[in-house]
Amino acid sequence: MRRRVLVAAVLASAFLPWFVGAIITAEPPKETREFSGKVVAVAGILEREGAPLDKDAAAAWLALLSDDGRLRPIVKDAGSRMLFKDERLRDRPVILRGRLVGRDQFLQVFQVVTVVEGRRHEPFYWCDICKIKRFEPNDCDCCGAPLEFREEPVDR
């Protein structure tokens, strides 16, 4: 028993500097915050600027044109999927909750909030038959019926 305790103590002391170093040098997590503006197709912006355009590639790019005039490309993942799949969410006031990634160049979206008549709304897709709420336009996972787009006011 003593031998096992001694071996465990030696191993723990051998790895202790590595654990402490990893904790000290670890990058702090990126801050989640709100970005307001409107979601736009990058293709339209590139055309206005006269940039050469590959229409197939550019059609798949979206960015947030923020209220301060910055253009932040949006990372396409589960959090932003509704923006890519539903054109009704583009070119209108939105608030995107997320974080900047890739040397603060790209916006990773965690939550989409629309602004309707100055009030915040939660956009979602609803199956009235199964009472299922989803965050991307599809057919219902349960019954296969098309989901209905809804926006409900939220307090914050």
N, C-alpha and C. Protein backbone atom coordinates (compact mmCIF):
# COMPACT_ATOMS: atom_id res chain seq x y z
N MET A 1 0.83 -1.19 0.00
CA MET A 1 0.00 0.00 0.00
C MET A 1 0.88 1.26 0.00
N ARG A 2 1.91 1.26 0.82
CA ARG A 2 2.82 2.41 0.87
C ARG A 2 3.48 2.64 -0.47
N ARG A 3 3.81 1.56 -1.12
CA ARG A 3 4.49 1.65 -2.40
C ARG A 3 3.59 2.36 -3.44
N ARG A 4 2.30 2.02 -3.46
CA ARG A 4 1.34 2.64 -4.38
C ARG A 4 1.19 4.14 -4.09
N VAL A 5 1.10 4.49 -2.84
CA VAL A 5 0.99 5.89 -2.46
C VAL A 5 2.24 6.64 -2.88
N LEU A 6 3.40 6.04 -2.68
CA LEU A 6 4.66 6.66 -3.07
C LEU A 6 4.73 6.86 -4.59
N VAL A 7 4.35 5.86 -5.36
CA VAL A 7 4.36 5.96 -6.82
C VAL A 7 3.38 7.06 -7.27
N ALA A 8 2.19 7.11 -6.68
CA ALA A 8 1.20 8.15 -7.03
C ALA A 8 1.74 9.54 -6.71
N ALA A 9 2.41 9.70 -5.57
CA ALA A 9 2.97 10.99 -5.18
C ALA A 9 4.07 11.42 -6.14
N VAL A 10 4.92 10.50 -6.56
CA VAL A 10 6.00 10.81 -7.49
C VAL A 10 5.41 11.23 -8.84
N LEU A 11 4.41 10.48 -9.33
CA LEU A 11 3.79 10.83 -10.61
C LEU A 11 3.09 12.19 -10.54
N ALA A 12 2.39 12.43 -9.45
CA ALA A 12 1.70 13.71 -9.29
C ALA A 12 2.69 14.86 -9.28
N SER A 13 3.80 14.70 -8.56
CA SER A 13 4.78 15.79 -8.50
C SER A 13 5.48 15.97 -9.85
N ALA A 14 5.61 14.90 -10.63
CA ALA A 14 6.24 15.01 -11.94
C ALA A 14 5.37 15.79 -12.92
N PHE A 15 4.04 15.60 -12.84
CA PHE A 15 3.12 16.28 -13.76
C PHE A 15 2.63 17.63 -13.26
N LEU A 16 2.91 17.98 -12.02
CA LEU A 16 2.43 19.23 -11.44
C LEU A 16 2.89 20.46 -12.24
N PRO A 17 4.16 20.57 -12.62
CA PRO A 17 4.57 21.75 -13.40
C PRO A 17 3.83 21.86 -14.73
N TRP A 18 3.55 20.74 -15.37
CA TRP A 18 2.82 20.76 -16.63
C TRP A 18 1.41 21.28 -16.44
N PHE A 19 0.70 20.80 -15.40
CA PHE A 19 -0.66 21.25 -15.13
C PHE A 19 -0.69 22.74 -14.79
N VAL A 20 0.24 23.20 -13.97
CA VAL A 20 0.29 24.62 -13.59
C VAL A 20 0.59 25.47 -14.82
N GLY A 21 1.52 25.04 -15.66
CA GLY A 21 1.86 25.77 -16.87
C GLY A 21 0.68 25.85 -17.83
N ALA A 22 -0.06 24.77 -17.96
CA ALA A 22 -1.23 24.77 -18.84
C ALA A 22 -2.29 25.74 -18.34
N ILE A 23 -2.47 25.81 -17.04
CA ILE A 23 -3.47 26.71 -16.47
C ILE A 23 -3.05 28.16 -16.66
N ILE A 24 -1.78 28.46 -16.44
CA ILE A 24 -1.29 29.83 -16.53
C ILE A 24 -1.30 30.33 -17.97
N THR A 25 -0.90 29.49 -18.94
CA THR A 25 -0.80 29.94 -20.32
C THR A 25 -2.08 29.76 -21.12
N ALA A 26 -3.10 29.17 -20.55
CA ALA A 26 -4.35 28.98 -21.28
C ALA A 26 -4.96 30.33 -21.64
N GLU A 27 -5.43 30.43 -22.89
CA GLU A 27 -6.06 31.67 -23.35
C GLU A 27 -7.42 31.84 -22.67
N PRO A 28 -7.72 33.03 -22.18
CA PRO A 28 -9.02 33.21 -21.56
C PRO A 28 -10.13 33.03 -22.59
N PRO A 29 -11.28 32.53 -22.17
CA PRO A 29 -12.36 32.31 -23.13
C PRO A 29 -12.83 33.63 -23.74
N LYS A 30 -13.20 33.57 -25.01
CA LYS A 30 -13.70 34.77 -25.68
C LYS A 30 -15.03 35.18 -25.06
N GLU A 31 -15.24 36.46 -24.98
CA GLU A 31 -16.43 37.00 -24.35
C GLU A 31 -17.63 36.94 -25.30
N THR A 32 -18.76 36.48 -24.79
CA THR A 32 -20.00 36.50 -25.54
C THR A 32 -20.63 37.87 -25.38
N ARG A 33 -21.04 38.47 -26.49
CA ARG A 33 -21.68 39.78 -26.42
C ARG A 33 -22.68 39.93 -27.55
N GLU A 34 -23.35 41.06 -27.58
CA GLU A 34 -24.37 41.31 -28.59
C GLU A 34 -23.81 42.21 -29.70
N PHE A 35 -24.18 41.87 -30.94
CA PHE A 35 -23.81 42.63 -32.12
C PHE A 35 -25.09 42.99 -32.84
N SER A 36 -25.31 44.28 -33.09
CA SER A 36 -26.55 44.68 -33.76
C SER A 36 -26.25 45.20 -35.15
N GLY A 37 -27.22 45.02 -36.03
CA GLY A 37 -27.09 45.46 -37.41
C GLY A 37 -28.08 44.71 -38.27
N LYS A 38 -27.65 44.35 -39.47
CA LYS A 38 -28.50 43.51 -40.32
C LYS A 38 -27.62 42.50 -41.05
N VAL A 39 -28.19 41.32 -41.26
CA VAL A 39 -27.49 40.25 -41.95
C VAL A 39 -27.63 40.49 -43.44
N VAL A 40 -26.50 40.47 -44.14
CA VAL A 40 -26.50 40.73 -45.58
C VAL A 40 -25.73 39.65 -46.31
N ALA A 41 -26.09 39.46 -47.57
CA ALA A 41 -25.33 38.55 -48.43
C ALA A 41 -24.07 39.28 -48.88
N VAL A 42 -22.95 38.64 -48.75
CA VAL A 42 -21.67 39.26 -49.12
C VAL A 42 -21.61 39.50 -50.62
N ALA A 43 -22.29 38.68 -51.41
CA ALA A 43 -22.26 38.83 -52.87
C ALA A 43 -22.71 40.23 -53.28
N GLY A 44 -23.76 40.74 -52.67
CA GLY A 44 -24.26 42.08 -53.01
C GLY A 44 -23.23 43.16 -52.71
N ILE A 45 -22.54 43.03 -51.62
CA ILE A 45 -21.53 44.01 -51.24
C ILE A 45 -20.35 43.95 -52.20
N LEU A 46 -19.91 42.74 -52.56
CA LEU A 46 -18.80 42.59 -53.49
C LEU A 46 -19.15 43.17 -54.86
N GLU A 47 -20.37 42.94 -55.31
CA GLU A 47 -20.79 43.50 -56.60
C GLU A 47 -20.78 45.02 -56.57
N ARG A 48 -21.30 45.62 -55.50
CA ARG A 48 -21.31 47.08 -55.38
C ARG A 48 -19.90 47.66 -55.37
N GLU A 49 -18.95 46.90 -54.79
CA GLU A 49 -17.57 47.38 -54.71
C GLU A 49 -16.77 47.08 -55.98
N GLY A 50 -17.37 46.36 -56.92
CA GLY A 50 -16.70 46.05 -58.17
C GLY A 50 -15.67 44.94 -58.06
N ALA A 51 -15.76 44.13 -57.03
CA ALA A 51 -14.80 43.04 -56.84
C ALA A 51 -15.16 41.87 -57.76
N PRO A 52 -14.13 41.16 -58.26
CA PRO A 52 -14.43 39.96 -59.05
C PRO A 52 -15.22 38.98 -58.19
N LEU A 53 -16.16 38.31 -58.79
CA LEU A 53 -17.12 37.54 -58.00
C LEU A 53 -17.32 36.15 -58.57
N ASP A 54 -17.14 35.15 -57.74
CA ASP A 54 -17.53 33.79 -58.07
C ASP A 54 -18.93 33.62 -57.50
N LYS A 55 -19.93 33.66 -58.32
CA LYS A 55 -21.32 33.70 -57.85
C LYS A 55 -21.68 32.49 -56.99
N ASP A 56 -21.15 31.31 -57.30
CA ASP A 56 -21.47 30.13 -56.48
C ASP A 56 -20.93 30.27 -55.07
N ALA A 57 -19.69 30.72 -54.95
CA ALA A 57 -19.08 30.85 -53.63
C ALA A 57 -19.67 32.02 -52.86
N ALA A 58 -19.81 33.16 -53.52
CA ALA A 58 -20.28 34.36 -52.83
C ALA A 58 -21.71 34.23 -52.35
N ALA A 59 -22.53 33.45 -53.03
CA ALA A 59 -23.92 33.27 -52.63
C ALA A 59 -24.02 32.60 -51.27
N ALA A 60 -23.01 31.88 -50.86
CA ALA A 60 -23.04 31.15 -49.59
C ALA A 60 -22.51 31.97 -48.43
N TRP A 61 -22.01 33.16 -48.66
CA TRP A 61 -21.42 33.99 -47.61
C TRP A 61 -22.44 34.96 -47.06
N LEU A 62 -22.52 35.04 -45.74
CA LEU A 62 -23.33 36.05 -45.07
C LEU A 62 -22.44 36.80 -44.09
N ALA A 63 -22.83 38.03 -43.82
CA ALA A 63 -22.09 38.83 -42.85
C ALA A 63 -23.07 39.72 -42.11
N LEU A 64 -22.65 40.17 -40.94
CA LEU A 64 -23.42 41.16 -40.20
C LEU A 64 -22.85 42.53 -40.56
N LEU A 65 -23.70 43.36 -41.14
CA LEU A 65 -23.33 44.75 -41.36
C LEU A 65 -23.78 45.48 -40.11
N SER A 66 -22.83 45.76 -39.23
CA SER A 66 -23.17 46.28 -37.91
C SER A 66 -23.56 47.74 -37.98
N ASP A 67 -24.19 48.22 -36.93
CA ASP A 67 -24.65 49.60 -36.87
C ASP A 67 -23.50 50.60 -37.02
N ASP A 68 -22.27 50.17 -36.66
CA ASP A 68 -21.12 51.07 -36.79
C ASP A 68 -20.44 50.96 -38.16
N GLY A 69 -21.04 50.18 -39.09
CA GLY A 69 -20.52 50.08 -40.45
C GLY A 69 -19.55 48.95 -40.69
N ARG A 70 -19.21 48.19 -39.66
CA ARG A 70 -18.28 47.06 -39.82
C ARG A 70 -18.99 45.88 -40.45
N LEU A 71 -18.27 45.15 -41.25
CA LEU A 71 -18.78 43.95 -41.88
C LEU A 71 -18.11 42.75 -41.21
N ARG A 72 -18.90 41.92 -40.54
CA ARG A 72 -18.36 40.76 -39.83
C ARG A 72 -18.90 39.48 -40.47
N PRO A 73 -18.04 38.71 -41.17
CA PRO A 73 -18.50 37.45 -41.75
C PRO A 73 -19.03 36.52 -40.66
N ILE A 74 -20.09 35.81 -40.98
CA ILE A 74 -20.75 34.92 -40.02
C ILE A 74 -20.29 33.48 -40.24
N VAL A 75 -19.88 32.82 -39.16
CA VAL A 75 -19.51 31.42 -39.19
C VAL A 75 -20.78 30.60 -39.39
N LYS A 76 -20.78 29.72 -40.38
CA LYS A 76 -21.96 28.89 -40.63
C LYS A 76 -21.87 27.65 -39.74
N ASP A 77 -22.74 27.61 -38.73
CA ASP A 77 -22.83 26.47 -37.83
C ASP A 77 -24.25 26.39 -37.29
N ALA A 78 -24.47 25.59 -36.27
CA ALA A 78 -25.83 25.38 -35.74
C ALA A 78 -26.45 26.69 -35.24
N GLY A 79 -25.66 27.57 -34.67
CA GLY A 79 -26.19 28.82 -34.12
C GLY A 79 -26.64 29.81 -35.18
N SER A 80 -26.07 29.75 -36.35
CA SER A 80 -26.40 30.71 -37.40
C SER A 80 -27.19 30.09 -38.55
N ARG A 81 -27.48 28.82 -38.47
CA ARG A 81 -28.10 28.11 -39.60
C ARG A 81 -29.38 28.77 -40.09
N MET A 82 -30.21 29.30 -39.17
CA MET A 82 -31.47 29.92 -39.60
C MET A 82 -31.21 31.12 -40.51
N LEU A 83 -30.11 31.82 -40.30
CA LEU A 83 -29.79 32.99 -41.13
C LEU A 83 -29.46 32.56 -42.56
N PHE A 84 -28.80 31.43 -42.69
CA PHE A 84 -28.41 30.94 -44.01
C PHE A 84 -29.59 30.30 -44.74
N LYS A 85 -30.53 29.72 -43.99
CA LYS A 85 -31.63 28.99 -44.62
C LYS A 85 -32.89 29.82 -44.84
N ASP A 86 -33.04 30.94 -44.14
CA ASP A 86 -34.27 31.71 -44.22
C ASP A 86 -33.98 33.16 -44.59
N GLU A 87 -34.29 33.52 -45.83
CA GLU A 87 -34.01 34.87 -46.32
C GLU A 87 -34.83 35.94 -45.62
N ARG A 88 -35.91 35.57 -44.94
CA ARG A 88 -36.73 36.56 -44.21
C ARG A 88 -35.95 37.21 -43.07
N LEU A 89 -34.84 36.60 -42.66
CA LEU A 89 -34.05 37.14 -41.55
C LEU A 89 -32.93 38.07 -42.03
N ARG A 90 -32.86 38.29 -43.32
CA ARG A 90 -31.80 39.14 -43.88
C ARG A 90 -32.32 40.54 -44.18
N ASP A 91 -31.39 41.48 -44.21
CA ASP A 91 -31.69 42.88 -44.56
C ASP A 91 -32.76 43.49 -43.67
N ARG A 92 -32.71 43.17 -42.40
CA ARG A 92 -33.63 43.74 -41.41
C ARG A 92 -32.90 43.80 -40.08
N PRO A 93 -33.35 44.61 -39.15
CA PRO A 93 -32.63 44.75 -37.87
C PRO A 93 -32.61 43.45 -37.08
N VAL A 94 -31.40 43.08 -36.65
CA VAL A 94 -31.22 41.90 -35.81
C VAL A 94 -30.20 42.21 -34.72
N ILE A 95 -30.23 41.39 -33.69
CA ILE A 95 -29.20 41.39 -32.66
C ILE A 95 -28.69 39.97 -32.60
N LEU A 96 -27.40 39.80 -32.83
CA LEU A 96 -26.79 38.47 -32.80
C LEU A 96 -25.95 38.36 -31.54
N ARG A 97 -26.27 37.38 -30.72
CA ARG A 97 -25.47 37.10 -29.54
C ARG A 97 -24.43 36.08 -29.93
N GLY A 98 -23.16 36.42 -29.69
CA GLY A 98 -22.10 35.51 -30.10
C GLY A 98 -20.75 35.99 -29.66
N ARG A 99 -19.73 35.51 -30.35
CA ARG A 99 -18.35 35.90 -30.01
C ARG A 99 -17.55 36.01 -31.29
N LEU A 100 -16.49 36.79 -31.21
CA LEU A 100 -15.59 36.94 -32.34
C LEU A 100 -14.53 35.87 -32.28
N VAL A 101 -14.23 35.24 -33.41
CA VAL A 101 -13.22 34.18 -33.48
C VAL A 101 -12.29 34.47 -34.65
N GLY A 102 -11.17 33.76 -34.69
CA GLY A 102 -10.23 33.93 -35.80
C GLY A 102 -9.62 35.30 -35.85
N ARG A 103 -8.92 35.68 -34.78
CA ARG A 103 -8.32 37.02 -34.65
C ARG A 103 -9.39 38.10 -34.75
N ASP A 104 -10.54 37.79 -34.18
CA ASP A 104 -11.67 38.73 -34.10
C ASP A 104 -12.19 39.16 -35.47
N GLN A 105 -12.09 38.28 -36.45
CA GLN A 105 -12.57 38.62 -37.78
C GLN A 105 -13.96 38.05 -38.08
N PHE A 106 -14.28 36.89 -37.49
CA PHE A 106 -15.52 36.19 -37.81
C PHE A 106 -16.44 36.17 -36.61
N LEU A 107 -17.74 36.20 -36.88
CA LEU A 107 -18.74 36.20 -35.83
C LEU A 107 -19.36 34.82 -35.72
N GLN A 108 -19.17 34.18 -34.57
CA GLN A 108 -19.83 32.91 -34.28
C GLN A 108 -21.10 33.23 -33.50
N VAL A 109 -22.24 32.84 -34.05
CA VAL A 109 -23.54 33.21 -33.51
C VAL A 109 -24.05 32.11 -32.58
N PHE A 110 -24.52 32.52 -31.39
CA PHE A 110 -25.14 31.60 -30.45
C PHE A 110 -26.65 31.79 -30.40
N GLN A 111 -27.12 33.02 -30.66
CA GLN A 111 -28.55 33.30 -30.59
C GLN A 111 -28.89 34.43 -31.55
N VAL A 112 -30.06 34.29 -32.20
CA VAL A 112 -30.55 35.32 -33.13
C VAL A 112 -31.77 35.97 -32.49
N VAL A 113 -31.77 37.30 -32.48
CA VAL A 113 -32.91 38.08 -32.00
C VAL A 113 -33.26 39.06 -33.11
N THR A 114 -34.54 39.12 -33.46
CA THR A 114 -34.98 40.10 -34.45
C THR A 114 -35.54 41.32 -33.73
N VAL A 115 -35.53 42.45 -34.40
CA VAL A 115 -36.08 43.68 -33.83
C VAL A 115 -37.28 44.07 -34.70
N VAL A 116 -38.45 44.04 -34.09
CA VAL A 116 -39.69 44.37 -34.78
C VAL A 116 -40.33 45.54 -34.05
N GLU A 117 -40.48 46.67 -34.76
CA GLU A 117 -41.06 47.89 -34.18
C GLU A 117 -40.37 48.27 -32.87
N GLY A 118 -39.04 48.15 -32.86
CA GLY A 118 -38.26 48.55 -31.69
C GLY A 118 -38.21 47.55 -30.56
N ARG A 119 -38.91 46.42 -30.68
CA ARG A 119 -38.92 45.40 -29.62
C ARG A 119 -38.18 44.15 -30.07
N ARG A 120 -37.51 43.52 -29.12
CA ARG A 120 -36.80 42.28 -29.39
C ARG A 120 -37.78 41.12 -29.53
N HIS A 121 -37.50 40.26 -30.52
CA HIS A 121 -38.31 39.06 -30.75
C HIS A 121 -37.41 37.85 -30.93
N GLU A 122 -37.92 36.71 -30.53
CA GLU A 122 -37.21 35.45 -30.75
C GLU A 122 -37.80 34.79 -31.99
N PRO A 123 -36.99 34.63 -33.06
CA PRO A 123 -37.48 33.91 -34.24
C PRO A 123 -37.31 32.40 -34.03
N PHE A 124 -38.30 31.64 -34.46
CA PHE A 124 -38.21 30.18 -34.37
C PHE A 124 -39.19 29.56 -35.34
N TYR A 125 -39.16 28.24 -35.42
CA TYR A 125 -40.01 27.48 -36.33
C TYR A 125 -40.81 26.50 -35.48
N TRP A 126 -42.13 26.45 -35.71
CA TRP A 126 -43.06 25.77 -34.81
C TRP A 126 -43.92 24.76 -35.55
N CYS A 127 -44.08 23.59 -34.93
CA CYS A 127 -45.04 22.60 -35.42
C CYS A 127 -46.25 22.66 -34.51
N ASP A 128 -47.38 23.09 -35.06
CA ASP A 128 -48.60 23.23 -34.28
C ASP A 128 -49.19 21.87 -33.92
N ILE A 129 -48.90 20.86 -34.70
CA ILE A 129 -49.42 19.52 -34.43
C ILE A 129 -48.69 18.90 -33.24
N CYS A 130 -47.37 18.92 -33.27
CA CYS A 130 -46.56 18.25 -32.25
C CYS A 130 -46.10 19.17 -31.12
N LYS A 131 -46.32 20.48 -31.30
CA LYS A 131 -45.87 21.48 -30.31
C LYS A 131 -44.35 21.43 -30.13
N ILE A 132 -43.65 21.37 -31.25
CA ILE A 132 -42.18 21.31 -31.26
C ILE A 132 -41.63 22.63 -31.79
N LYS A 133 -40.65 23.18 -31.10
CA LYS A 133 -39.98 24.43 -31.47
C LYS A 133 -38.57 24.10 -31.96
N ARG A 134 -38.21 24.65 -33.12
CA ARG A 134 -36.88 24.44 -33.68
C ARG A 134 -36.31 25.79 -34.11
N PHE A 135 -35.00 25.80 -34.37
CA PHE A 135 -34.33 27.05 -34.72
C PHE A 135 -33.73 27.03 -36.12
N GLU A 136 -34.32 26.22 -37.00
CA GLU A 136 -33.99 26.29 -38.41
C GLU A 136 -35.19 25.77 -39.19
N PRO A 137 -35.43 26.33 -40.39
CA PRO A 137 -36.59 25.92 -41.17
C PRO A 137 -36.39 24.52 -41.75
N ASN A 138 -37.23 23.63 -41.36
CA ASN A 138 -37.23 22.25 -41.83
C ASN A 138 -38.65 21.73 -41.73
N ASP A 139 -38.80 20.45 -42.01
CA ASP A 139 -40.04 19.78 -41.68
C ASP A 139 -39.93 19.27 -40.25
N CYS A 140 -41.07 19.05 -39.60
CA CYS A 140 -41.10 18.59 -38.22
C CYS A 140 -40.39 17.24 -38.08
N ASP A 141 -39.58 17.11 -37.06
CA ASP A 141 -38.88 15.85 -36.79
C ASP A 141 -39.85 14.72 -36.47
N CYS A 142 -41.01 15.07 -35.94
CA CYS A 142 -41.97 14.09 -35.45
C CYS A 142 -42.95 13.66 -36.55
N CYS A 143 -43.72 14.62 -37.06
CA CYS A 143 -44.80 14.27 -37.99
C CYS A 143 -44.47 14.55 -39.46
N GLY A 144 -43.40 15.31 -39.73
CA GLY A 144 -43.01 15.60 -41.10
C GLY A 144 -43.69 16.80 -41.72
N ALA A 145 -44.58 17.48 -40.97
CA ALA A 145 -45.25 18.66 -41.49
C ALA A 145 -44.27 19.83 -41.56
N PRO A 146 -44.49 20.77 -42.49
CA PRO A 146 -43.61 21.94 -42.54
C PRO A 146 -43.74 22.77 -41.26
N LEU A 147 -42.62 23.29 -40.78
CA LEU A 147 -42.65 24.13 -39.59
C LEU A 147 -43.05 25.55 -39.98
N GLU A 148 -43.77 26.22 -39.09
CA GLU A 148 -44.25 27.58 -39.31
C GLU A 148 -43.29 28.57 -38.67
N PHE A 149 -42.91 29.61 -39.42
CA PHE A 149 -42.03 30.65 -38.89
C PHE A 149 -42.81 31.53 -37.94
N ARG A 150 -42.24 31.79 -36.76
CA ARG A 150 -42.86 32.68 -35.78
C ARG A 150 -41.81 33.58 -35.16
N GLU A 151 -42.26 34.71 -34.67
CA GLU A 151 -41.43 35.64 -33.90
C GLU A 151 -42.24 36.06 -32.70
N GLU A 152 -41.72 35.82 -31.51
CA GLU A 152 -42.43 36.21 -30.28
C GLU A 152 -41.60 37.21 -29.51
N PRO A 153 -42.26 38.23 -28.95
CA PRO A 153 -41.53 39.23 -28.16
C PRO A 153 -40.84 38.60 -26.96
N VAL A 154 -39.65 39.12 -26.65
CA VAL A 154 -38.90 38.67 -25.47
C VAL A 154 -38.54 39.90 -24.64
N ASP A 155 -38.38 39.70 -23.36
CA ASP A 155 -38.05 40.82 -22.48
C ASP A 155 -36.64 41.30 -22.68
N ARG A 156 -35.70 40.41 -22.85
CA ARG A 156 -34.30 40.79 -22.99
C ARG A 156 -33.60 39.91 -23.93
